Amino acid sequence: MSNKLNIGLLGLGTVGSGVPFILNSHKEKIQQVTGMEIQVTKALVRDESEKERQAKRFDIALTTDYNEIINDEEIHVVVELIGKIEPAKTYISQALEAGKHVVTANKDLLAQYGAELASLAQKNHVDLYFEAAVAGGIPILRTIANSLAADNIQKVLGIVNGTTNYMLTKMVAESKSYEEALKEAQELGFAESDPTNDVDGIDAAYKMVILSNFAFGMNVNLKDVETQGIREITTDDVEMAKKLGYELKLIGSSEKIGESIAVQVAPMLVPLTHPLHSVKNEMNAVFINSSGVGESMYYGPGAGAKPTATSVVSDLITIAKNIRLGTTGYRFNSYNYETKLANDNEVYGKYYFAFDVPDKKGQLLLLTKIFSSTDISFEQVIQQKTDGTTARMVVTTHAMTKAQMKAVTEKIQEVPEFHLLNTFKVLED
């Protein structure tokens, strides 16, 4: 191969247009680091007329036919930035089978078919990289795969969805309701018109699947990730969390328990002393607890044209180096371990429960009996009068198993007078 690495770009939108921008802006440095000139030569678009200005600016040929990229022998790498499962999966598979390296930011696809695509890349002795798929501009996957390869990771906690973090920041700092925060996020372009994947925790769950694979070598399915979004969080919950010394955030958690792992995405009460508490607005962060390094946190923008495109270009630089060294065809993450999921009796945590209860004597005693019957003790209890007939009661517990949490939840729901409003895990320092 010559000293040129030609790129076929699928998608010339926000992130797609950022890739040639970064390559041109940092051209001299990239050539020094790789010994190659990396350039986008052709881009697949839906409408050529819409992208003519970007194409002329970066000297890119446009096409609406993927065959013009897959059959172009001068194109060495395909960069997929169109998103969703199809036709992205078909395009990537065809590129790998054709002996082209692939870079993608497609977390949805990787969370569901990452192992299959990685095997296909290895079979065809080409590279498949996807640093931009998790936390945008934060180089977290390469950090885990390389810098922490000698360490034993115990826990990964992530604020990996900028939309929900922005919304919860507004709900905490400005006492906005969920609906008000969502509207503002949509107006600013942080949330889609259909925010389902973000607010229901699905986007974060995709990323935790990938992070779990890198941290623990296990191929977790999306259905194995217990997922709860932020739709049910109220201003009452936000204010109560403040009074208790916490802040509500949507947290992705992947934790090693013995030889198994437990993976979850849910709103959690984060102590004001925890590093993740400082992550505000649309920013992302990944907190890692490992036996060697101890606690470390990786912080930065989780989306945006330049941050995400920078991660894409870092993958292209790695591919260029691999080509020069003759080391292509190795997996991005070579750590592989038998997938074992922890059962509910192995997973411990403190919890927050919020109820509406009748405003009369004996309710706390009844609630205490219910919790005691499952061997759960209270850490804090707060009762607030809401009107003449009902009162809002909040309890936080000492550590219990997930099995105990589910059992006590069932018992509470059997009491007609008790209305369980919300249950959140309490993150410990």
Protein backbone atom coordinates (compact mmCIF):
# COMPACT_ATOMS: atom_id res chain seq x y z
CA MET A 1 0.00 0.00 0.00
CA SER A 2 1.15 3.56 -0.72
CA ASN A 3 1.50 6.27 1.89
CA LYS A 4 -2.13 7.27 1.35
CA LEU A 5 -5.09 5.89 3.30
CA ASN A 6 -8.31 6.58 1.41
CA ILE A 7 -11.60 6.70 3.28
CA GLY A 8 -15.11 5.95 2.09
CA LEU A 9 -17.48 7.86 4.37
CA LEU A 10 -21.05 6.68 4.92
CA GLY A 11 -22.98 9.78 5.95
CA LEU A 12 -21.94 13.42 5.68
CA GLY A 13 -24.08 14.85 8.45
CA THR A 14 -23.00 16.55 11.67
CA VAL A 15 -20.37 14.00 12.68
CA GLY A 16 -19.59 12.92 9.12
CA SER A 17 -18.61 16.44 8.06
CA GLY A 18 -16.47 16.68 11.21
CA VAL A 19 -14.21 13.83 10.04
CA PRO A 20 -12.68 15.57 6.97
CA PHE A 21 -12.53 18.78 9.00
CA ILE A 22 -10.37 17.11 11.69
CA LEU A 23 -8.26 15.31 9.08
CA ASN A 24 -7.56 18.59 7.25
CA SER A 25 -7.03 20.67 10.38
CA HIS A 26 -4.53 18.23 11.89
CA LYS A 27 -3.08 16.99 8.61
CA GLU A 28 0.60 17.60 9.40
CA LYS A 29 0.43 16.02 12.85
CA ILE A 30 -1.46 12.97 11.55
CA GLN A 31 1.11 12.42 8.80
CA GLN A 32 3.96 12.62 11.30
CA VAL A 33 2.27 10.17 13.66
CA THR A 34 1.22 7.64 11.02
CA GLY A 35 3.59 8.19 8.11
CA MET A 36 0.51 8.28 5.89
CA GLU A 37 -1.83 10.83 4.37
CA ILE A 38 -5.38 10.02 5.49
CA GLN A 39 -8.10 11.50 3.32
CA VAL A 40 -11.82 11.08 2.66
CA THR A 41 -12.14 10.49 -1.07
CA LYS A 42 -15.78 9.47 -1.42
CA ALA A 43 -18.96 9.83 0.65
CA LEU A 44 -22.30 8.07 0.50
CA VAL A 45 -25.22 10.51 0.90
CA ARG A 46 -28.96 10.47 0.36
CA ASP A 47 -29.03 13.69 -1.67
CA GLU A 48 -25.91 14.88 -3.47
CA SER A 49 -27.23 18.42 -3.96
CA GLU A 50 -27.58 18.93 -0.20
CA LYS A 51 -23.92 18.07 0.44
CA GLU A 52 -22.25 19.76 -2.52
CA ARG A 53 -20.77 22.57 -0.44
CA GLN A 54 -19.06 20.21 2.04
CA ALA A 55 -17.90 17.97 -0.82
CA LYS A 56 -16.24 20.84 -2.69
CA ARG A 57 -14.67 22.17 0.49
CA PHE A 58 -12.91 18.88 1.21
CA ASP A 59 -12.58 17.57 -2.36
CA ILE A 60 -14.86 14.59 -1.75
CA ALA A 61 -16.70 12.69 -4.49
CA LEU A 62 -20.36 12.09 -3.64
CA THR A 63 -22.48 9.05 -4.43
CA THR A 64 -25.90 7.71 -3.55
CA ASP A 65 -24.87 4.14 -4.44
CA TYR A 66 -22.96 2.14 -1.81
CA ASN A 67 -21.59 -0.17 -4.53
CA GLU A 68 -19.42 2.73 -5.72
CA ILE A 69 -17.65 2.61 -2.37
CA ILE A 70 -17.52 -1.13 -1.74
CA ASN A 71 -16.21 -1.80 -5.27
CA ASP A 72 -13.66 1.02 -5.24
CA GLU A 73 -10.28 -0.68 -4.84
CA GLU A 74 -8.69 2.67 -3.95
CA ILE A 75 -10.78 2.92 -0.76
CA HIS A 76 -9.08 1.20 2.15
CA VAL A 77 -11.36 2.11 5.07
CA VAL A 78 -15.13 2.52 5.37
CA VAL A 79 -16.34 4.89 8.08
CA GLU A 80 -19.99 4.27 8.97
CA LEU A 81 -21.84 7.23 10.49
CA ILE A 82 -25.41 6.68 9.29
CA GLY A 83 -26.62 5.00 12.49
CA LYS A 84 -29.38 2.48 13.21
CA ILE A 85 -29.15 -1.24 12.49
CA GLU A 86 -29.91 -1.44 8.79
CA PRO A 87 -28.55 -0.81 6.27
CA ALA A 88 -25.50 -0.13 8.48
CA LYS A 89 -25.02 -3.80 9.42
CA THR A 90 -25.17 -4.91 5.80
CA TYR A 91 -22.80 -2.17 4.67
CA ILE A 92 -20.26 -2.93 7.41
CA SER A 93 -20.43 -6.69 6.81
CA GLN A 94 -19.88 -6.22 3.08
CA ALA A 95 -16.96 -3.88 3.71
CA LEU A 96 -15.27 -6.35 6.05
CA GLU A 97 -15.81 -9.22 3.63
CA ALA A 98 -14.31 -7.08 0.88
CA GLY A 99 -11.15 -6.66 2.93
CA LYS A 100 -11.78 -3.07 3.94
CA HIS A 101 -11.16 -1.82 7.46
CA VAL A 102 -14.15 -0.29 9.23
CA VAL A 103 -14.65 2.49 11.76
CA THR A 104 -18.11 3.08 13.20
CA ALA A 105 -19.82 5.05 15.94
CA ASN A 106 -22.94 2.86 15.83
CA LYS A 107 -23.58 1.86 19.47
CA ASP A 108 -26.99 0.30 18.70
CA LEU A 109 -25.44 -2.03 16.13
CA LEU A 110 -22.38 -2.88 18.21
CA ALA A 111 -24.37 -3.63 21.35
CA GLN A 112 -26.43 -6.18 19.44
CA TYR A 113 -24.03 -7.52 16.80
CA GLY A 114 -20.59 -6.42 17.95
CA ALA A 115 -19.25 -9.94 18.58
CA GLU A 116 -20.44 -11.12 15.17
CA LEU A 117 -18.85 -8.18 13.35
CA ALA A 118 -15.60 -8.48 15.32
CA SER A 119 -15.33 -12.14 14.31
CA LEU A 120 -16.00 -11.22 10.68
CA ALA A 121 -13.25 -8.59 10.79
CA GLN A 122 -10.79 -11.06 12.31
CA LYS A 123 -11.68 -13.70 9.73
CA ASN A 124 -10.88 -11.26 6.92
CA HIS A 125 -7.74 -9.89 8.61
CA VAL A 126 -9.03 -6.34 8.80
CA ASP A 127 -9.64 -3.89 11.63
CA LEU A 128 -12.92 -2.87 13.22
CA TYR A 129 -12.76 0.10 15.59
CA PHE A 130 -15.53 2.04 17.34
CA GLU A 131 -14.12 4.40 19.97
CA ALA A 132 -16.79 7.00 19.21
CA ALA A 133 -19.63 4.58 20.04
CA VAL A 134 -19.35 5.23 23.78
CA ALA A 135 -19.09 8.67 25.39
CA GLY A 136 -18.26 10.54 22.17
CA GLY A 137 -14.99 12.38 22.63
CA ILE A 138 -13.82 10.46 25.72
CA PRO A 139 -11.27 7.78 24.72
CA ILE A 140 -12.68 5.32 27.23
CA LEU A 141 -12.65 2.10 25.19
CA ARG A 142 -9.01 2.46 24.20
CA THR A 143 -8.16 3.36 27.80
CA ILE A 144 -9.77 0.17 29.10
CA ALA A 145 -8.39 -2.04 26.33
CA ASN A 146 -4.84 -0.67 26.50
CA SER A 147 -4.00 1.51 29.49
CA LEU A 148 -5.94 -0.61 31.99
CA ALA A 149 -5.14 -3.99 30.40
CA ALA A 150 -2.86 -4.87 33.33
CA ASP A 151 -5.48 -3.92 35.91
CA ASN A 152 -8.42 -5.83 37.37
CA ILE A 153 -11.55 -3.71 36.98
CA GLN A 154 -14.19 -4.21 39.66
CA LYS A 155 -16.81 -1.63 38.75
CA VAL A 156 -17.70 0.73 35.91
CA LEU A 157 -20.15 3.57 36.50
CA GLY A 158 -21.14 5.86 33.67
CA ILE A 159 -23.06 9.00 32.93
CA VAL A 160 -23.14 8.14 29.25
CA ASN A 161 -26.23 9.94 27.98
CA GLY A 162 -25.92 13.69 27.61
CA THR A 163 -29.63 14.31 27.04
CA THR A 164 -30.78 12.88 30.36
CA ASN A 165 -27.86 14.38 32.25
CA TYR A 166 -28.75 17.81 30.85
CA MET A 167 -32.39 17.33 31.82
CA LEU A 168 -31.62 16.16 35.35
CA THR A 169 -29.16 19.03 35.82
CA LYS A 170 -31.95 21.48 34.97
CA MET A 171 -34.39 19.65 37.25
CA VAL A 172 -31.91 19.91 40.13
CA ALA A 173 -30.46 23.39 39.57
CA GLU A 174 -33.59 25.19 38.35
CA SER A 175 -36.38 23.04 39.82
CA LYS A 176 -37.77 22.36 36.35
CA SER A 177 -40.27 19.56 35.87
CA TYR A 178 -39.44 16.57 33.66
CA GLU A 179 -41.66 18.03 30.91
CA GLU A 180 -40.02 21.47 31.11
CA ALA A 181 -36.51 20.02 31.07
CA LEU A 182 -37.32 17.81 28.08
CA LYS A 183 -38.78 20.72 26.12
CA GLU A 184 -35.66 22.81 26.75
CA ALA A 185 -33.37 19.93 25.76
CA GLN A 186 -35.31 19.50 22.51
CA GLU A 187 -35.18 23.22 21.74
CA LEU A 188 -31.39 23.20 22.20
CA GLY A 189 -30.94 20.09 20.06
CA PHE A 190 -29.82 17.83 22.93
CA ALA A 191 -32.96 15.69 22.67
CA GLU A 192 -34.68 14.24 19.60
CA SER A 193 -38.32 14.92 18.80
CA ASP A 194 -38.84 11.30 19.86
CA PRO A 195 -36.66 11.08 22.99
CA THR A 196 -37.55 7.47 23.84
CA ASN A 197 -34.06 5.96 23.52
CA ASP A 198 -32.61 8.65 25.77
CA VAL A 199 -35.22 9.14 28.48
CA ASP A 200 -36.03 5.42 28.81
CA GLY A 201 -32.36 4.55 29.31
CA ILE A 202 -32.02 2.50 26.12
CA ASP A 203 -29.15 4.56 24.69
CA ALA A 204 -27.23 4.25 27.97
CA ALA A 205 -27.93 0.51 28.07
CA TYR A 206 -26.36 0.05 24.61
CA LYS A 207 -23.23 1.77 25.86
CA MET A 208 -23.09 -0.29 29.06
CA VAL A 209 -23.20 -3.48 26.96
CA ILE A 210 -20.08 -2.30 25.14
CA LEU A 211 -18.35 -1.08 28.31
CA SER A 212 -19.08 -4.40 30.04
CA ASN A 213 -17.46 -6.27 27.18
CA PHE A 214 -14.31 -4.16 27.37
CA ALA A 215 -14.08 -4.10 31.17
CA PHE A 216 -14.95 -7.74 31.89
CA GLY A 217 -14.63 -9.56 28.56
CA MET A 218 -18.27 -10.69 28.73
CA ASN A 219 -20.81 -10.47 25.91
CA VAL A 220 -23.90 -9.19 27.68
CA ASN A 221 -27.19 -9.02 25.80
CA LEU A 222 -29.32 -5.88 25.94
CA LYS A 223 -32.10 -7.89 27.61
CA ASP A 224 -29.68 -8.67 30.46
CA VAL A 225 -29.33 -4.99 31.33
CA GLU A 226 -31.97 -3.99 33.86
CA THR A 227 -33.07 -0.65 32.44
CA GLN A 228 -35.11 2.16 33.99
CA GLY A 229 -35.41 5.65 32.54
CA ILE A 230 -36.14 9.08 34.00
CA ARG A 231 -39.77 9.65 32.97
CA GLU A 232 -41.12 8.97 36.47
CA ILE A 233 -38.75 11.31 38.33
CA THR A 234 -40.68 14.18 39.93
CA THR A 235 -39.61 17.50 41.40
CA ASP A 236 -40.51 15.99 44.79
CA ASP A 237 -37.90 13.24 44.25
CA VAL A 238 -35.30 15.81 43.17
CA GLU A 239 -35.92 18.00 46.22
CA MET A 240 -35.97 15.05 48.61
CA ALA A 241 -32.67 13.79 47.22
CA LYS A 242 -31.17 17.21 47.95
CA LYS A 243 -32.41 17.10 51.55
CA LEU A 244 -30.86 13.66 51.99
CA GLY A 245 -27.51 14.84 50.60
CA TYR A 246 -27.76 13.34 47.12
CA GLU A 247 -28.40 14.30 43.51
CA LEU A 248 -30.42 12.19 41.07
CA LYS A 249 -28.57 11.09 37.95
CA LEU A 250 -29.09 8.39 35.32
CA ILE A 251 -26.25 5.96 35.97
CA GLY A 252 -25.06 2.98 33.97
CA SER A 253 -23.49 0.41 36.27
CA SER A 254 -21.50 -2.72 35.49
CA GLU A 255 -20.09 -4.45 38.56
CA LYS A 256 -18.07 -7.60 39.05
CA ILE A 257 -19.40 -9.87 41.79
CA GLY A 258 -17.19 -12.91 42.21
CA GLU A 259 -16.93 -14.41 38.74
CA SER A 260 -20.18 -12.79 37.58
CA ILE A 261 -21.30 -9.28 36.66
CA ALA A 262 -24.44 -7.25 37.21
CA VAL A 263 -25.33 -4.58 34.65
CA GLN A 264 -27.93 -1.89 35.19
CA VAL A 265 -29.09 1.51 33.92
CA ALA A 266 -31.31 3.49 36.29
CA PRO A 267 -31.75 6.78 38.10
CA MET A 268 -29.62 6.67 41.24
CA LEU A 269 -29.05 8.93 44.21
CA VAL A 270 -25.44 10.08 43.89
CA PRO A 271 -23.70 11.42 47.04
CA LEU A 272 -22.45 15.00 46.78
CA THR A 273 -18.99 13.64 47.62
CA HIS A 274 -18.87 11.23 44.66
CA PRO A 275 -16.90 12.40 41.57
CA LEU A 276 -19.91 11.69 39.30
CA HIS A 277 -21.87 14.37 41.17
CA SER A 278 -19.74 17.04 39.46
CA VAL A 279 -20.79 15.96 35.95
CA LYS A 280 -23.33 18.53 34.78
CA ASN A 281 -25.42 19.39 31.73
CA GLU A 282 -24.70 17.38 28.56
CA MET A 283 -21.26 16.17 29.66
CA ASN A 284 -20.39 12.47 30.04
CA ALA A 285 -18.13 10.65 32.47
CA VAL A 286 -17.02 7.09 33.18
CA PHE A 287 -15.89 6.21 36.71
CA ILE A 288 -13.80 3.06 37.16
CA ASN A 289 -12.86 1.23 40.32
CA SER A 290 -9.99 -1.20 39.82
CA SER A 291 -7.60 -3.09 42.07
CA GLY A 292 -4.45 -1.52 40.66
CA VAL A 293 -5.24 2.11 39.91
CA GLY A 294 -8.07 2.38 42.42
CA GLU A 295 -10.61 5.07 41.53
CA SER A 296 -10.31 6.96 38.23
CA MET A 297 -12.75 9.06 36.22
CA TYR A 298 -12.75 9.99 32.54
CA TYR A 299 -14.73 13.13 31.70
CA GLY A 300 -15.63 15.01 28.54
CA PRO A 301 -18.25 15.72 25.86
CA GLY A 302 -20.36 12.72 24.96
CA ALA A 303 -21.50 14.00 21.60
CA GLY A 304 -20.98 16.79 19.05
CA ALA A 305 -19.31 17.00 15.66
CA LYS A 306 -15.72 17.74 16.70
CA PRO A 307 -15.47 15.49 19.82
CA THR A 308 -17.05 12.48 18.10
CA ALA A 309 -15.16 13.05 14.85
CA THR A 310 -11.92 13.25 16.85
CA SER A 311 -12.59 9.77 18.23
CA VAL A 312 -13.32 8.51 14.71
CA VAL A 313 -10.05 9.96 13.43
CA SER A 314 -8.16 8.39 16.36
CA ASP A 315 -9.43 5.03 15.09
CA LEU A 316 -8.25 5.88 11.58
CA ILE A 317 -4.82 6.75 12.96
CA THR A 318 -4.68 3.37 14.73
CA ILE A 319 -5.59 1.58 11.51
CA ALA A 320 -2.90 3.50 9.61
CA LYS A 321 -0.31 2.49 12.23
CA ASN A 322 -1.46 -1.14 12.10
CA ILE A 323 -1.10 -1.18 8.32
CA ARG A 324 2.44 0.20 8.55
CA LEU A 325 3.34 -2.39 11.19
CA GLY A 326 1.53 -5.27 9.48
CA THR A 327 -0.61 -5.91 12.56
CA THR A 328 -4.13 -5.54 11.18
CA GLY A 329 -6.87 -8.07 11.93
CA TYR A 330 -6.66 -8.10 15.72
CA ARG A 331 -9.75 -7.35 17.81
CA PHE A 332 -10.19 -3.91 19.33
CA ASN A 333 -10.90 -5.72 22.58
CA SER A 334 -9.13 -9.07 22.84
CA TYR A 335 -10.27 -9.76 26.42
CA ASN A 336 -12.73 -12.65 26.42
CA TYR A 337 -14.29 -14.31 29.46
CA GLU A 338 -17.26 -16.61 29.94
CA THR A 339 -20.40 -14.53 30.37
CA LYS A 340 -21.86 -15.01 33.83
CA LEU A 341 -24.64 -12.85 35.24
CA ALA A 342 -25.01 -12.38 38.98
CA ASN A 343 -28.29 -13.48 40.53
CA ASP A 344 -30.46 -11.20 42.65
CA ASN A 345 -29.16 -12.67 45.91
CA GLU A 346 -25.61 -11.59 45.05
CA VAL A 347 -26.30 -7.96 44.16
CA TYR A 348 -26.31 -5.56 47.12
CA GLY A 349 -27.27 -1.92 47.42
CA LYS A 350 -29.00 0.75 49.44
CA TYR A 351 -32.36 1.98 48.20
CA TYR A 352 -34.68 4.99 48.29
CA PHE A 353 -38.46 4.40 48.49
CA ALA A 354 -41.09 7.12 48.16
CA PHE A 355 -44.75 6.46 49.10
CA ASP A 356 -48.08 8.15 49.44
CA VAL A 357 -49.70 6.80 52.64
CA PRO A 358 -52.89 7.63 54.55
CA ASP A 359 -52.37 10.59 56.89
CA LYS A 360 -53.22 8.73 60.07
CA LYS A 361 -51.52 6.99 62.98
CA GLY A 362 -49.78 3.65 62.61
CA GLN A 363 -48.55 3.96 59.02
CA LEU A 364 -44.87 4.10 59.92
CA LEU A 365 -45.30 1.09 62.19
CA LEU A 366 -47.00 -0.84 59.39
CA LEU A 367 -44.27 0.13 56.95
CA THR A 368 -41.59 -0.91 59.46
CA LYS A 369 -43.23 -4.31 59.85
CA ILE A 370 -43.26 -4.84 56.08
CA PHE A 371 -39.58 -4.02 55.73
CA SER A 372 -38.63 -6.02 58.84
CA SER A 373 -40.40 -9.08 57.45
CA THR A 374 -37.81 -9.15 54.66
CA ASP A 375 -34.96 -8.35 57.07
CA ILE A 376 -34.46 -4.78 55.82
CA SER A 377 -33.59 -1.89 58.12
CA PHE A 378 -34.06 1.85 57.60
CA GLU A 379 -31.23 4.36 57.43
CA GLN A 380 -33.43 7.48 57.19
CA VAL A 381 -37.18 8.08 57.38
CA ILE A 382 -38.89 11.35 56.42
CA GLN A 383 -42.63 12.00 56.47
CA GLN A 384 -44.17 15.05 54.80
CA LYS A 385 -47.80 16.05 55.07
CA THR A 386 -49.19 16.61 51.59
CA ASP A 387 -52.91 17.23 52.17
CA GLY A 388 -55.58 16.37 54.67
CA THR A 389 -55.84 12.72 53.72
CA THR A 390 -52.45 11.50 52.48
CA ALA A 391 -48.83 12.04 53.45
CA ARG A 392 -45.63 11.50 51.50
CA MET A 393 -43.17 9.19 53.20
CA VAL A 394 -39.59 8.60 52.10
CA VAL A 395 -37.20 5.99 53.44
CA THR A 396 -33.63 5.08 52.62
CA THR A 397 -32.41 1.65 53.64
CA HIS A 398 -29.22 -0.02 54.69
CA ALA A 399 -27.69 -2.42 52.17
CA MET A 400 -29.93 -5.22 50.96
CA THR A 401 -29.92 -7.71 48.11
CA LYS A 402 -31.83 -7.07 44.92
CA ALA A 403 -33.94 -10.11 45.85
CA GLN A 404 -34.92 -8.42 49.11
CA MET A 405 -35.74 -5.21 47.27
CA LYS A 406 -38.06 -7.05 44.88
CA ALA A 407 -39.68 -8.98 47.74
CA VAL A 408 -40.42 -5.90 49.83
CA THR A 409 -41.72 -4.08 46.75
CA GLU A 410 -44.23 -6.87 46.16
CA LYS A 411 -45.37 -6.73 49.79
CA ILE A 412 -45.82 -2.97 49.67
CA GLN A 413 -47.90 -3.25 46.51
CA GLU A 414 -50.20 -5.73 48.28
CA VAL A 415 -51.26 -3.00 50.75
CA PRO A 416 -54.10 -1.06 49.07
CA GLU A 417 -53.56 2.07 51.14
CA PHE A 418 -49.88 2.38 50.21
CA HIS A 419 -48.99 3.94 46.86
CA LEU A 420 -45.35 3.28 45.93
CA LEU A 421 -44.23 6.28 43.87
CA ASN A 422 -40.59 5.55 43.10
CA THR A 423 -37.69 3.29 44.01
CA PHE A 424 -34.10 4.30 43.28
CA LYS A 425 -30.76 2.77 44.14
CA VAL A 426 -28.52 4.84 46.39
CA LEU A 427 -24.96 5.00 45.11
CA GLU A 428 -22.41 4.66 47.87
CA ASP A 429 -19.25 6.75 48.25
